[in-house]
PDB file of N, CA and C in Angstrom:
ATOM      1  N   ALA A   1      32.962   2.460 -17.890  1.00  0.00           N
ATOM      2  CA  ALA A   1      32.418   2.210 -16.559  1.00  0.00           C
ATOM      3  C   ALA A   1      31.005   2.763 -16.490  1.00  0.00           C
ATOM      4  N   ARG A   2      30.122   2.015 -15.870  1.00  0.00           N
ATOM      5  CA  ARG A   2      28.739   2.450 -15.692  1.00  0.00           C
ATOM      6  C   ARG A   2      28.629   3.282 -14.417  1.00  0.00           C
ATOM      7  N   PHE A   3      27.752   4.265 -14.456  1.00  0.00           N
ATOM      8  CA  PHE A   3      27.514   5.048 -13.254  1.00  0.00           C
ATOM      9  C   PHE A   3      26.051   5.434 -13.172  1.00  0.00           C
ATOM     10  N   VAL A   4      25.619   5.735 -11.973  1.00  0.00           N
ATOM     11  CA  VAL A   4      24.311   6.315 -11.719  1.00  0.00           C
ATOM     12  C   VAL A   4      24.553   7.523 -10.829  1.00  0.00           C
ATOM     13  N   ARG A   5      23.991   8.654 -11.227  1.00  0.00           N
ATOM     14  CA  ARG A   5      24.131   9.887 -10.448  1.00  0.00           C
ATOM     15  C   ARG A   5      22.744  10.293  -9.979  1.00  0.00           C
ATOM     16  N   VAL A   6      22.626  10.596  -8.705  1.00  0.00           N
ATOM     17  CA  VAL A   6      21.364  11.044  -8.132  1.00  0.00           C
ATOM     18  C   VAL A   6      21.594  12.422  -7.525  1.00  0.00           C
ATOM     19  N   ALA A   7      20.737  13.365  -7.865  1.00  0.00           N
ATOM     20  CA  ALA A   7      20.822  14.713  -7.309  1.00  0.00           C
ATOM     21  C   ALA A   7      19.426  15.138  -6.879  1.00  0.00           C
ATOM     22  N   ALA A   8      19.343  15.840  -5.771  1.00  0.00           N
ATOM     23  CA  ALA A   8      18.049  16.324  -5.289  1.00  0.00           C
ATOM     24  C   ALA A   8      18.236  17.691  -4.656  1.00  0.00           C
ATOM     25  N   ARG A   9      17.189  18.494  -4.749  1.00  0.00           N
ATOM     26  CA  ARG A   9      17.213  19.816  -4.128  1.00  0.00           C
ATOM     27  C   ARG A   9      15.779  20.215  -3.791  1.00  0.00           C
ATOM     28  N   VAL A  10      15.646  21.200  -2.947  1.00  0.00           N
ATOM     29  CA  VAL A  10      14.340  21.751  -2.602  1.00  0.00           C
ATOM     30  C   VAL A  10      14.317  23.182  -3.109  1.00  0.00           C
ATOM     31  N   GLU A  11      13.293  23.513  -3.886  1.00  0.00           N
ATOM     32  CA  GLU A  11      13.139  24.855  -4.433  1.00  0.00           C
ATOM     33  C   GLU A  11      11.922  25.516  -3.805  1.00  0.00           C
ATOM     34  N   ALA A  12      11.938  26.829  -3.748  1.00  0.00           N
ATOM     35  CA  ALA A  12      10.782  27.564  -3.242  1.00  0.00           C
ATOM     36  C   ALA A  12       9.599  27.338  -4.172  1.00  0.00           C
ATOM     37  N   GLY A  13       8.425  27.183  -3.589  1.00  0.00           N
ATOM     38  CA  GLY A  13       7.208  27.018  -4.377  1.00  0.00           C
ATOM     39  C   GLY A  13       6.619  28.367  -4.751  1.00  0.00           C
ATOM     40  N   ASP A  14       5.519  28.344  -5.488  1.00  0.00           N
ATOM     41  CA  ASP A  14       4.865  29.579  -5.919  1.00  0.00           C
ATOM     42  C   ASP A  14       4.125  30.274  -4.783  1.00  0.00           C
ATOM     43  N   ALA A  15       3.575  29.507  -3.861  1.00  0.00           N
ATOM     44  CA  ALA A  15       2.789  30.069  -2.764  1.00  0.00           C
ATOM     45  C   ALA A  15       3.625  30.109  -1.488  1.00  0.00           C
ATOM     46  N   PRO A  16       3.318  31.056  -0.597  1.00  0.00           N
ATOM     47  CA  PRO A  16       4.035  31.081   0.683  1.00  0.00           C
ATOM     48  C   PRO A  16       3.870  29.748   1.415  1.00  0.00           C
ATOM     49  N   GLY A  17       4.934  29.266   1.999  1.00  0.00           N
ATOM     50  CA  GLY A  17       4.893  28.011   2.737  1.00  0.00           C
ATOM     51  C   GLY A  17       4.957  26.778   1.863  1.00  0.00           C
ATOM     52  N   SER A  18       5.187  26.964   0.566  1.00  0.00           N
ATOM     53  CA  SER A  18       5.258  25.802  -0.323  1.00  0.00           C
ATOM     54  C   SER A  18       6.670  25.646  -0.873  1.00  0.00           C
ATOM     55  N   ALA A  19       6.963  24.438  -1.284  1.00  0.00           N
ATOM     56  CA  ALA A  19       8.266  24.118  -1.865  1.00  0.00           C
ATOM     57  C   ALA A  19       8.068  23.005  -2.887  1.00  0.00           C
ATOM     58  N   VAL A  20       9.096  22.755  -3.659  1.00  0.00           N
ATOM     59  CA  VAL A  20       9.076  21.665  -4.636  1.00  0.00           C
ATOM     60  C   VAL A  20      10.358  20.864  -4.450  1.00  0.00           C
ATOM     61  N   ILE A  21      10.196  19.565  -4.247  1.00  0.00           N
ATOM     62  CA  ILE A  21      11.349  18.668  -4.199  1.00  0.00           C
ATOM     63  C   ILE A  21      11.633  18.243  -5.633  1.00  0.00           C
ATOM     64  N   VAL A  22      12.830  18.510  -6.096  1.00  0.00           N
ATOM     65  CA  VAL A  22      13.230  18.203  -7.469  1.00  0.00           C
ATOM     66  C   VAL A  22      14.373  17.200  -7.407  1.00  0.00           C
ATOM     67  N   ALA A  23      14.267  16.134  -8.191  1.00  0.00           N
ATOM     68  CA  ALA A  23      15.330  15.125  -8.198  1.00  0.00           C
ATOM     69  C   ALA A  23      15.605  14.678  -9.624  1.00  0.00           C
ATOM     70  N   GLN A  24      16.838  14.261  -9.852  1.00  0.00           N
ATOM     71  CA  GLN A  24      17.251  13.716 -11.139  1.00  0.00           C
ATOM     72  C   GLN A  24      18.057  12.452 -10.881  1.00  0.00           C
ATOM     73  N   VAL A  25      17.793  11.453 -11.683  1.00  0.00           N
ATOM     74  CA  VAL A  25      18.551  10.204 -11.634  1.00  0.00           C
ATOM     75  C   VAL A  25      19.078   9.972 -13.039  1.00  0.00           C
ATOM     76  N   GLN A  26      20.386   9.894 -13.164  1.00  0.00           N
ATOM     77  CA  GLN A  26      21.020   9.798 -14.480  1.00  0.00           C
ATOM     78  C   GLN A  26      21.931   8.581 -14.515  1.00  0.00           C
ATOM     79  N   ASP A  27      21.934   7.893 -15.660  1.00  0.00           N
ATOM     80  CA  ASP A  27      22.894   6.803 -15.845  1.00  0.00           C
ATOM     81  C   ASP A  27      23.553   6.936 -17.207  1.00  0.00           C
ATOM     82  N   ASN A  28      24.611   6.189 -17.408  1.00  0.00           N
ATOM     83  CA  ASN A  28      25.271   6.180 -18.716  1.00  0.00           C
ATOM     84  C   ASN A  28      25.120   4.802 -19.347  1.00  0.00           C
ATOM     85  N   GLY A  29      23.912   4.240 -19.221  1.00  0.00           N
ATOM     86  CA  GLY A  29      23.625   2.917 -19.770  1.00  0.00           C
ATOM     87  C   GLY A  29      23.382   2.959 -21.264  1.00  0.00           C
ATOM     88  N   VAL A  30      22.581   2.021 -21.737  1.00  0.00           N
ATOM     89  CA  VAL A  30      22.361   1.859 -23.174  1.00  0.00           C
ATOM     90  C   VAL A  30      21.465   2.931 -23.762  1.00  0.00           C
ATOM     91  N   GLY A  31      20.724   3.658 -22.926  1.00  0.00           N
ATOM     92  CA  GLY A  31      19.807   4.671 -23.423  1.00  0.00           C
ATOM     93  C   GLY A  31      18.525   4.042 -23.939  1.00  0.00           C
ATOM     94  N   ILE A  32      17.545   4.894 -24.203  1.00  0.00           N
ATOM     95  CA  ILE A  32      16.225   4.440 -24.637  1.00  0.00           C
ATOM     96  C   ILE A  32      15.781   5.309 -25.802  1.00  0.00           C
ATOM     97  N   ALA A  33      15.322   4.672 -26.867  1.00  0.00           N
ATOM     98  CA  ALA A  33      14.805   5.416 -28.018  1.00  0.00           C
ATOM     99  C   ALA A  33      13.525   6.144 -27.613  1.00  0.00           C
ATOM    100  N   ALA A  34      13.344   7.365 -28.114  1.00  0.00           N
ATOM    101  CA  ALA A  34      12.188   8.188 -27.751  1.00  0.00           C
ATOM    102  C   ALA A  34      10.864   7.487 -28.028  1.00  0.00           C
ATOM    103  N   ASP A  35      10.793   6.684 -29.079  1.00  0.00           N
ATOM    104  CA  ASP A  35       9.525   6.008 -29.392  1.00  0.00           C
ATOM    105  C   ASP A  35       9.205   4.883 -28.409  1.00  0.00           C
ATOM    106  N   LYS A  36      10.106   4.586 -27.491  1.00  0.00           N
ATOM    107  CA  LYS A  36       9.883   3.542 -26.481  1.00  0.00           C
ATOM    108  C   LYS A  36       9.548   4.116 -25.100  1.00  0.00           C
ATOM    109  N   PHE A  37       9.587   5.439 -24.945  1.00  0.00           N
ATOM    110  CA  PHE A  37       9.368   6.050 -23.634  1.00  0.00           C
ATOM    111  C   PHE A  37       8.053   5.604 -23.002  1.00  0.00           C
ATOM    112  N   ASP A  38       6.970   5.596 -23.776  1.00  0.00           N
ATOM    113  CA  ASP A  38       5.659   5.240 -23.222  1.00  0.00           C
ATOM    114  C   ASP A  38       5.635   3.814 -22.678  1.00  0.00           C
ATOM    115  N   LEU A  39       6.416   2.912 -23.269  1.00  0.00           N
ATOM    116  CA  LEU A  39       6.462   1.529 -22.779  1.00  0.00           C
ATOM    117  C   LEU A  39       6.962   1.443 -21.337  1.00  0.00           C
ATOM    118  N   LEU A  40       7.839   2.364 -20.961  1.00  0.00           N
ATOM    119  CA  LEU A  40       8.411   2.331 -19.615  1.00  0.00           C
ATOM    120  C   LEU A  40       7.357   2.484 -18.531  1.00  0.00           C
ATOM    121  N   PHE A  41       6.260   3.144 -18.862  1.00  0.00           N
ATOM    122  CA  PHE A  41       5.244   3.450 -17.863  1.00  0.00           C
ATOM    123  C   PHE A  41       3.988   2.603 -18.034  1.00  0.00           C
ATOM    124  N   GLN A  42       4.108   1.494 -18.767  1.00  0.00           N
ATOM    125  CA  GLN A  42       3.023   0.522 -18.900  1.00  0.00           C
ATOM    126  C   GLN A  42       3.316  -0.647 -17.966  1.00  0.00           C
ATOM    127  N   PRO A  43       2.311  -1.081 -17.170  1.00  0.00           N
ATOM    128  CA  PRO A  43       2.560  -2.194 -16.241  1.00  0.00           C
ATOM    129  C   PRO A  43       3.076  -3.442 -16.952  1.00  0.00           C
ATOM    130  N   PHE A  44       4.054  -4.073 -16.349  1.00  0.00           N
ATOM    131  CA  PHE A  44       4.655  -5.336 -16.813  1.00  0.00           C
ATOM    132  C   PHE A  44       5.286  -5.222 -18.202  1.00  0.00           C
ATOM    133  N   SER A  45       5.676  -4.028 -18.577  1.00  0.00           N
ATOM    134  CA  SER A  45       6.276  -3.823 -19.892  1.00  0.00           C
ATOM    135  C   SER A  45       7.770  -3.555 -19.733  1.00  0.00           C
ATOM    136  N   GLN A  46       8.545  -4.080 -20.648  1.00  0.00           N
ATOM    137  CA  GLN A  46       9.988  -3.854 -20.687  1.00  0.00           C
ATOM    138  C   GLN A  46      10.330  -3.304 -22.068  1.00  0.00           C
ATOM    139  N   VAL A  47      11.224  -2.334 -22.121  1.00  0.00           N
ATOM    140  CA  VAL A  47      11.626  -1.783 -23.414  1.00  0.00           C
ATOM    141  C   VAL A  47      12.349  -2.842 -24.230  1.00  0.00           C
ATOM    142  N   GLU A  48      13.274  -3.533 -23.615  1.00  0.00           N
ATOM    143  CA  GLU A  48      14.038  -4.584 -24.288  1.00  0.00           C
ATOM    144  C   GLU A  48      13.912  -5.865 -23.474  1.00  0.00           C
ATOM    145  N   SER A  49      13.191  -6.845 -23.975  1.00  0.00           N
ATOM    146  CA  SER A  49      12.949  -8.062 -23.195  1.00  0.00           C
ATOM    147  C   SER A  49      14.242  -8.825 -22.901  1.00  0.00           C
ATOM    148  N   HIS A  50      15.218  -8.779 -23.811  1.00  0.00           N
ATOM    149  CA  HIS A  50      16.463  -9.503 -23.538  1.00  0.00           C
ATOM    150  C   HIS A  50      17.216  -8.893 -22.356  1.00  0.00           C
ATOM    151  N   LEU A  51      17.104  -7.577 -22.146  1.00  0.00           N
ATOM    152  CA  LEU A  51      17.761  -6.950 -20.999  1.00  0.00           C
ATOM    153  C   LEU A  51      17.077  -7.337 -19.693  1.00  0.00           C
ATOM    154  N   SER A  52      15.757  -7.519 -19.729  1.00  0.00           N
ATOM    155  CA  SER A  52      15.060  -7.910 -18.499  1.00  0.00           C
ATOM    156  C   SER A  52      15.449  -9.324 -18.082  1.00  0.00           C
ATOM    157  N   ARG A  53      15.761 -10.165 -19.047  1.00  0.00           N
ATOM    158  CA  ARG A  53      16.209 -11.516 -18.691  1.00  0.00           C
ATOM    159  C   ARG A  53      17.586 -11.472 -18.034  1.00  0.00           C
ATOM    160  N   VAL A  54      18.430 -10.561 -18.475  1.00  0.00           N
ATOM    161  CA  VAL A  54      19.781 -10.445 -17.918  1.00  0.00           C
ATOM    162  C   VAL A  54      19.758  -9.736 -16.565  1.00  0.00           C
ATOM    163  N   HIS A  55      19.018  -8.621 -16.477  1.00  0.00           N
ATOM    164  CA  HIS A  55      19.054  -7.778 -15.282  1.00  0.00           C
ATOM    165  C   HIS A  55      17.876  -7.990 -14.344  1.00  0.00           C
ATOM    166  N   GLY A  56      16.873  -8.719 -14.763  1.00  0.00           N
ATOM    167  CA  GLY A  56      15.697  -8.932 -13.918  1.00  0.00           C
ATOM    168  C   GLY A  56      14.749  -7.752 -13.985  1.00  0.00           C
ATOM    169  N   GLY A  57      13.716  -7.818 -13.185  1.00  0.00           N
ATOM    170  CA  GLY A  57      12.727  -6.748 -13.134  1.00  0.00           C
ATOM    171  C   GLY A  57      11.387  -7.229 -13.651  1.00  0.00           C
ATOM    172  N   SER A  58      10.344  -6.650 -13.089  1.00  0.00           N
ATOM    173  CA  SER A  58       8.988  -7.061 -13.456  1.00  0.00           C
ATOM    174  C   SER A  58       8.298  -6.074 -14.375  1.00  0.00           C
ATOM    175  N   GLY A  59       8.881  -4.906 -14.568  1.00  0.00           N
ATOM    176  CA  GLY A  59       8.216  -3.893 -15.371  1.00  0.00           C
ATOM    177  C   GLY A  59       7.216  -3.082 -14.567  1.00  0.00           C
ATOM    178  N   LEU A  60       7.354  -3.077 -13.250  1.00  0.00           N
ATOM    179  CA  LEU A  60       6.431  -2.315 -12.409  1.00  0.00           C
ATOM    180  C   LEU A  60       7.083  -1.129 -11.704  1.00  0.00           C
ATOM    181  N   GLY A  61       8.389  -1.104 -11.584  1.00  0.00           N
ATOM    182  CA  GLY A  61       9.062  -0.075 -10.792  1.00  0.00           C
ATOM    183  C   GLY A  61       8.733   1.341 -11.206  1.00  0.00           C
ATOM    184  N   LEU A  62       8.898   1.655 -12.484  1.00  0.00           N
ATOM    185  CA  LEU A  62       8.635   3.015 -12.940  1.00  0.00           C
ATOM    186  C   LEU A  62       7.152   3.340 -12.923  1.00  0.00           C
ATOM    187  N   VAL A  63       6.306   2.339 -13.170  1.00  0.00           N
ATOM    188  CA  VAL A  63       4.853   2.542 -13.109  1.00  0.00           C
ATOM    189  C   VAL A  63       4.466   2.965 -11.693  1.00  0.00           C
ATOM    190  N   LEU A  64       4.983   2.250 -10.698  1.00  0.00           N
ATOM    191  CA  LEU A  64       4.674   2.571  -9.306  1.00  0.00           C
ATOM    192  C   LEU A  64       5.244   3.932  -8.906  1.00  0.00           C
ATOM    193  N   CYS A  65       6.470   4.216  -9.310  1.00  0.00           N
ATOM    194  CA  CYS A  65       7.085   5.506  -8.980  1.00  0.00           C
ATOM    195  C   CYS A  65       6.280   6.660  -9.557  1.00  0.00           C
ATOM    196  N   ARG A  66       5.960   6.576 -10.835  1.00  0.00           N
ATOM    197  CA  ARG A  66       5.210   7.659 -11.467  1.00  0.00           C
ATOM    198  C   ARG A  66       3.830   7.806 -10.827  1.00  0.00           C
ATOM    199  N   GLY A  67       3.164   6.687 -10.539  1.00  0.00           N
ATOM    200  CA  GLY A  67       1.850   6.753  -9.905  1.00  0.00           C
ATOM    201  C   GLY A  67       1.897   7.430  -8.547  1.00  0.00           C
ATOM    202  N   LEU A  68       2.894   7.096  -7.747  1.00  0.00           N
ATOM    203  CA  LEU A  68       3.039   7.706  -6.432  1.00  0.00           C
ATOM    204  C   LEU A  68       3.327   9.200  -6.560  1.00  0.00           C
ATOM    205  N   ILE A  69       4.249   9.546  -7.424  1.00  0.00           N
ATOM    206  CA  ILE A  69       4.609  10.952  -7.611  1.00  0.00           C
ATOM    207  C   ILE A  69       3.404  11.755  -8.095  1.00  0.00           C
ATOM    208  N   GLU A  70       2.658  11.231  -9.069  1.00  0.00           N
ATOM    209  CA  GLU A  70       1.486  11.943  -9.579  1.00  0.00           C
ATOM    210  C   GLU A  70       0.383  12.029  -8.531  1.00  0.00           C
ATOM    211  N   SER A  71       0.241  11.011  -7.678  1.00  0.00           N
ATOM    212  CA  SER A  71      -0.776  11.071  -6.623  1.00  0.00           C
ATOM    213  C   SER A  71      -0.451  12.164  -5.605  1.00  0.00           C
ATOM    214  N   LEU A  72       0.805  12.559  -5.526  1.00  0.00           N
ATOM    215  CA  LEU A  72       1.228  13.645  -4.644  1.00  0.00           C
ATOM    216  C   LEU A  72       1.208  14.997  -5.356  1.00  0.00           C
ATOM    217  N   GLY A  73       0.715  15.018  -6.599  1.00  0.00           N
ATOM    218  CA  GLY A  73       0.635  16.262  -7.354  1.00  0.00           C
ATOM    219  C   GLY A  73       1.894  16.601  -8.120  1.00  0.00           C
ATOM    220  N   GLY A  74       2.799  15.648  -8.243  1.00  0.00           N
ATOM    221  CA  GLY A  74       4.067  15.889  -8.916  1.00  0.00           C
ATOM    222  C   GLY A  74       4.101  15.337 -10.320  1.00  0.00           C
ATOM    223  N   SER A  75       5.286  15.320 -10.885  1.00  0.00           N
ATOM    224  CA  SER A  75       5.454  14.814 -12.248  1.00  0.00           C
ATOM    225  C   SER A  75       6.783  14.089 -12.367  1.00  0.00           C
ATOM    226  N   MET A  76       6.839  13.207 -13.362  1.00  0.00           N
ATOM    227  CA  MET A  76       8.055  12.439 -13.635  1.00  0.00           C
ATOM    228  C   MET A  76       8.168  12.286 -15.141  1.00  0.00           C
ATOM    229  N   ASP A  77       9.320  12.637 -15.676  1.00  0.00           N
ATOM    230  CA  ASP A  77       9.548  12.431 -17.103  1.00  0.00           C
ATOM    231  C   ASP A  77      11.001  12.026 -17.316  1.00  0.00           C
ATOM    232  N   LEU A  78      11.382  11.844 -18.559  1.00  0.00           N
ATOM    233  CA  LEU A  78      12.737  11.401 -18.838  1.00  0.00           C
ATOM    234  C   LEU A  78      13.248  11.972 -20.142  1.00  0.00           C
ATOM    235  N   SER A  79      14.556  11.944 -20.247  1.00  0.00           N
ATOM    236  CA  SER A  79      15.234  12.237 -21.504  1.00  0.00           C
ATOM    237  C   SER A  79      16.295  11.157 -21.664  1.00  0.00           C
ATOM    238  N   SER A  80      16.589  10.802 -22.905  1.00  0.00           N
ATOM    239  CA  SER A  80      17.531   9.712 -23.126  1.00  0.00           C
ATOM    240  C   SER A  80      18.158   9.825 -24.502  1.00  0.00           C
ATOM    241  N   VAL A  81      19.376   9.347 -24.606  1.00  0.00           N
ATOM    242  CA  VAL A  81      20.078   9.257 -25.880  1.00  0.00           C
ATOM    243  C   VAL A  81      20.583   7.822 -26.000  1.00  0.00           C
ATOM    244  N   VAL A  82      20.171   7.141 -27.067  1.00  0.00           N
ATOM    245  CA  VAL A  82      20.590   5.753 -27.280  1.00  0.00           C
ATOM    246  C   VAL A  82      22.114   5.702 -27.333  1.00  0.00           C
ATOM    247  N   GLY A  83      22.681   4.782 -26.584  1.00  0.00           N
ATOM    248  CA  GLY A  83      24.129   4.621 -26.538  1.00  0.00           C
ATOM    249  C   GLY A  83      24.822   5.522 -25.537  1.00  0.00           C
ATOM    250  N   GLU A  84      24.087   6.461 -24.925  1.00  0.00           N
ATOM    251  CA  GLU A  84      24.709   7.386 -23.970  1.00  0.00           C
ATOM    252  C   GLU A  84      24.120   7.304 -22.569  1.00  0.00           C
ATOM    253  N   GLY A  85      22.823   7.072 -22.450  1.00  0.00           N
ATOM    254  CA  GLY A  85      22.227   6.977 -21.122  1.00  0.00           C
ATOM    255  C   GLY A  85      20.882   7.669 -21.033  1.00  0.00           C
ATOM    256  N   THR A  86      20.348   7.654 -19.824  1.00  0.00           N
ATOM    257  CA  THR A  86      19.001   8.144 -19.560  1.00  0.00           C
ATOM    258  C   THR A  86      19.006   8.995 -18.305  1.00  0.00           C
ATOM    259  N   GLU A  87      18.143  10.006 -18.292  1.00  0.00           N
ATOM    260  CA  GLU A  87      17.983  10.845 -17.111  1.00  0.00           C
ATOM    261  C   GLU A  87      16.499  10.988 -16.808  1.00  0.00           C
ATOM    262  N   PHE A  88      16.124  10.644 -15.579  1.00  0.00           N
ATOM    263  CA  PHE A  88      14.752  10.821 -15.110  1.00  0.00           C
ATOM    264  C   PHE A  88      14.697  12.092 -14.285  1.00  0.00           C
ATOM    265  N   HIS A  89      13.621  12.848 -14.471  1.00  0.00           N
ATOM    266  CA  HIS A  89      13.406  14.098 -13.753  1.00  0.00           C
ATOM    267  C   HIS A  89      12.099  13.954 -12.982  1.00  0.00           C
ATOM    268  N   LEU A  90      12.121  14.308 -11.724  1.00  0.00           N
ATOM    269  CA  LEU A  90      10.865  14.277 -10.981  1.00  0.00           C
ATOM    270  C   LEU A  90      10.761  15.490 -10.084  1.00  0.00           C
ATOM    271  N   SER A  91       9.522  15.910  -9.858  1.00  0.00           N
ATOM    272  CA  SER A  91       9.261  17.016  -8.946  1.00  0.00           C
ATOM    273  C   SER A  91       8.000  16.702  -8.160  1.00  0.00           C
ATOM    274  N   VAL A  92       8.034  17.056  -6.891  1.00  0.00           N
ATOM    275  CA  VAL A  92       6.905  16.810  -5.995  1.00  0.00           C
ATOM    276  C   VAL A  92       6.686  18.073  -5.159  1.00  0.00           C
ATOM    277  N   PRO A  93       5.493  18.669  -5.266  1.00  0.00           N
ATOM    278  CA  PRO A  93       5.218  19.846  -4.439  1.00  0.00           C
ATOM    279  C   PRO A  93       5.006  19.439  -2.984  1.00  0.00           C
ATOM    280  N   CYS A  94       5.332  20.333  -2.089  1.00  0.00           N
ATOM    281  CA  CYS A  94       5.113  20.051  -0.670  1.00  0.00           C
ATOM    282  C   CYS A  94       4.922  21.362   0.079  1.00  0.00           C
ATOM    283  N   LEU A  95       4.437  21.252   1.279  1.00  0.00           N
ATOM    284  CA  LEU A  95       4.287  22.392   2.176  1.00  0.00           C
ATOM    285  C   LEU A  95       5.301  22.235   3.292  1.00  0.00           C
ATOM    286  N   TYR A  96       5.736  23.341   3.826  1.00  0.00           N
ATOM    287  CA  TYR A  96       6.644  23.248   4.955  1.00  0.00           C
ATOM    288  C   TYR A  96       6.130  24.147   6.067  1.00  0.00           C
ATOM    289  N   ALA A  97       6.500  23.820   7.253  1.00  0.00           N
ATOM    290  CA  ALA A  97       6.125  24.600   8.427  1.00  0.00           C
ATOM    291  C   ALA A  97       7.399  25.136   9.060  1.00  0.00           C
ATOM    292  N   PRO A  98       7.301  26.294   9.684  1.00  0.00           N
ATOM    293  CA  PRO A  98       8.494  26.796  10.370  1.00  0.00           C
ATOM    294  C   PRO A  98       8.936  25.803  11.444  1.00  0.00           C
ATOM    295  N   ALA A  99      10.189  25.826  11.731  1.00  0.00           N
ATOM    296  CA  ALA A  99      10.725  24.919  12.749  1.00  0.00           C
ATOM    297  C   ALA A  99      10.040  25.183  14.084  1.00  0.00           C
ATOM    298  N   SER A 100       9.710  24.132  14.774  1.00  0.00           N
ATOM    299  CA  SER A 100       9.093  24.255  16.096  1.00  0.00           C
ATOM    300  C   SER A 100      10.160  24.638  17.104  1.00  0.00           C
ATOM    301  N   PRO A 101       9.767  25.426  18.103  1.00  0.00           N
ATOM    302  CA  PRO A 101      10.765  25.730  19.136  1.00  0.00           C
ATOM    303  C   PRO A 101      11.106  24.454  19.901  1.00  0.00           C
ATOM    304  N   PRO A 102      12.310  24.380  20.426  1.00  0.00           N
ATOM    305  CA  PRO A 102      12.680  23.173  21.177  1.00  0.00           C
ATOM    306  C   PRO A 102      11.809  23.049  22.424  1.00  0.00           C
ATOM    307  N   PRO A 103      11.577  21.831  22.888  1.00  0.00           N
ATOM    308  CA  PRO A 103      10.783  21.664  24.116  1.00  0.00           C
ATOM    309  C   PRO A 103      11.519  22.285  25.298  1.00  0.00           C
ATOM    310  N   PRO A 104      10.762  22.712  26.299  1.00  0.00           N
ATOM    311  CA  PRO A 104      11.437  23.312  27.459  1.00  0.00           C
ATOM    312  C   PRO A 104      12.386  22.307  28.111  1.00  0.00           C
ATOM    313  N   ALA A 105      13.470  22.827  28.610  1.00  0.00           N
ATOM    314  CA  ALA A 105      14.458  21.967  29.273  1.00  0.00           C
ATOM    315  C   ALA A 105      13.848  21.389  30.540  1.00  0.00           C
ATOM    316  N   ARG A 106      14.136  20.149  30.794  1.00  0.00           N
ATOM    317  CA  ARG A 106      13.646  19.495  32.008  1.00  0.00           C
ATOM    318  C   ARG A 106      14.720  19.602  33.082  1.00  0.00           C
ATOM    319  N   SER A 107      14.273  19.898  34.246  1.00  0.00           N
ATOM    320  CA  SER A 107      15.199  20.005  35.371  1.00  0.00           C
ATOM    321  C   SER A 107      15.591  18.611  35.836  1.00  0.00           C
ATOM    322  N   SER A 108      16.839  18.466  36.224  1.00  0.00           N
ATOM    323  CA  SER A 108      17.273  17.177  36.758  1.00  0.00           C
ATOM    324  C   SER A 108      16.947  17.070  38.248  1.00  0.00           C
ATOM    325  N   VAL A 109      16.479  18.166  38.803  1.00  0.00           N
ATOM    326  CA  VAL A 109      16.086  18.168  40.218  1.00  0.00           C
ATOM    327  C   VAL A 109      14.605  17.831  40.280  1.00  0.00           C
ATOM    328  N   PRO A 110      14.215  16.838  41.071  1.00  0.00           N
ATOM    329  CA  PRO A 110      12.795  16.479  41.138  1.00  0.00           C
ATOM    330  C   PRO A 110      11.961  17.610  41.737  1.00  0.00           C
ATOM    331  N   ASP A 111      10.703  17.690  41.277  1.00  0.00           N
ATOM    332  CA  ASP A 111       9.776  18.677  41.829  1.00  0.00           C
ATOM    333  C   ASP A 111       9.501  18.337  43.290  1.00  0.00           C
ATOM    334  N   PRO A 112       9.312  19.374  44.109  1.00  0.00           N
ATOM    335  CA  PRO A 112       9.000  19.091  45.523  1.00  0.00           C
ATOM    336  C   PRO A 112       7.633  18.419  45.642  1.00  0.00           C
ATOM    337  N   PRO A 113       7.459  17.613  46.693  1.00  0.00           N
ATOM    338  CA  PRO A 113       6.175  16.910  46.854  1.00  0.00           C
ATOM    339  C   PRO A 113       5.032  17.821  47.221  1.00  0.00           C
TER     340      PRO A 113
END
């Protein structure tokens, strides 16, 4: 049976008020040979052309994902074992602000004129 597992967490960053969003996407598909990793991040490129005919795809998804993540100061990489599956790792730094206090309660009684 094929599966895809997605996990995400937020870790404390190095500086006060900073954090890192870390995510992993793992599947137990056919896997990818290490010498083909760079092809995954080339526009309109497919590692195995026969698989793209069966499953579709333009060869842009990972290029766009990595570009967006890197434009946010993050990184995306992968590990894979042929015949076992692939795992993508990504991290994106972010800043957080303390929670805002709730807005003052509004009275249901109208203000006097």
